[in-house]
């Protein structure tokens, strides 16, 4: 006798405690170093098929850190006569 399992779509909410890695970090002397910052997270997932789900997973850094300089390289490219910056 074979038992059939029926799938029912469902929502999932979770919290997490984890670490964020910042690969462009600097130490007190200005030398490059990888920073590991403690973080907490809130996760939401909707399982709409037995093999498929979609969700939003966020992390919030708990520690204070300072950003001294940010470089943004603007890339100008054209696609079908529309310019994006």
Protein backbone atom coordinates (compact mmCIF):
# COMPACT_ATOMS: atom_id res chain seq x y z
CA UNK A 1 0.00 0.00 0.00
CA UNK A 2 1.44 3.35 -1.07
CA UNK A 3 0.75 6.47 1.00
CA UNK A 4 0.50 9.72 -0.97
CA UNK A 5 1.89 12.86 0.62
CA UNK A 6 -0.03 16.02 -0.16
CA UNK A 7 1.76 19.35 -0.26
CA UNK A 8 0.18 22.40 1.33
CA UNK A 9 1.70 25.87 0.62
CA UNK A 10 2.93 27.52 3.82
CA UNK A 11 4.77 30.54 5.25
CA UNK A 12 7.91 30.42 7.42
CA UNK A 13 9.31 33.17 9.65
CA UNK A 14 12.62 32.89 11.46
CA UNK A 15 15.28 34.83 13.32
CA UNK A 16 19.00 34.23 13.29
CA UNK A 17 22.20 35.29 15.04
CA UNK A 18 25.23 35.27 12.75
CA UNK A 19 28.27 37.16 11.41
CA UNK A 20 28.78 39.47 8.43
CA UNK A 21 32.18 39.48 6.70
CA UNK A 22 33.48 42.79 5.33
CA UNK A 23 36.36 42.05 2.95
CA UNK A 24 37.32 45.71 2.41
CA UNK A 25 37.90 46.45 6.10
CA UNK A 26 40.86 48.39 7.53
CA UNK A 27 42.59 48.12 10.87
CA UNK A 28 43.64 51.09 13.04
CA UNK A 29 46.84 51.61 11.02
CA UNK A 30 45.06 51.59 7.64
CA UNK A 31 46.12 48.08 6.65
CA UNK A 32 43.58 45.95 4.82
CA UNK A 33 41.88 43.27 6.91
CA UNK A 34 38.72 41.18 6.82
CA UNK A 35 36.23 42.25 9.48
CA UNK A 36 33.72 39.88 11.08
CA UNK A 37 30.79 41.84 12.50
CA UNK A 38 28.09 40.28 14.63
CA UNK A 39 24.59 40.51 13.17
CA UNK A 40 21.02 39.38 13.65
CA UNK A 41 18.60 38.45 10.92
CA UNK A 42 14.91 38.19 10.12
CA UNK A 43 13.87 35.65 7.50
CA UNK A 44 10.58 35.13 5.66
CA UNK A 45 9.95 32.29 3.21
CA UNK A 46 6.85 31.22 1.28
CA UNK A 47 6.93 27.58 0.13
CA UNK A 48 4.57 27.52 -2.88
CA UNK A 49 5.57 24.14 -4.34
CA UNK A 50 7.11 21.05 -2.80
CA UNK A 51 10.40 21.88 -4.56
CA UNK A 52 10.18 25.69 -4.79
CA UNK A 53 10.09 28.61 -2.36
CA UNK A 54 10.72 32.35 -2.40
CA UNK A 55 11.84 34.46 0.51
CA UNK A 56 13.41 37.55 2.00
CA UNK A 57 16.44 37.08 4.25
CA UNK A 58 17.93 40.16 5.91
CA UNK A 59 20.94 40.74 8.17
CA UNK A 60 21.39 43.71 10.50
CA UNK A 61 24.90 44.57 11.77
CA UNK A 62 24.91 45.11 15.52
CA UNK A 63 28.39 46.64 15.89
CA UNK A 64 29.38 50.21 15.10
CA UNK A 65 31.95 50.79 12.38
CA UNK A 66 33.18 53.79 10.43
CA UNK A 67 33.19 54.29 6.66
CA UNK A 68 35.81 56.88 5.70
CA UNK A 69 35.71 56.84 1.91
CA UNK A 70 33.48 55.26 -0.69
CA UNK A 71 34.38 55.17 -4.40
CA UNK A 72 31.58 54.65 -6.87
CA UNK A 73 32.61 53.95 -10.45
CA UNK A 74 29.80 55.05 -12.74
CA UNK A 75 29.51 52.86 -15.80
CA UNK A 76 27.84 54.39 -18.84
CA UNK A 77 26.36 51.90 -21.29
CA UNK A 78 23.69 52.07 -23.98
CA UNK A 79 20.95 49.58 -24.77
CA UNK A 80 18.36 50.19 -27.50
CA UNK A 81 18.94 53.98 -27.52
CA UNK A 82 18.43 54.24 -23.75
CA UNK A 83 21.37 55.48 -21.67
CA UNK A 84 21.86 54.15 -18.14
CA UNK A 85 24.27 55.66 -15.63
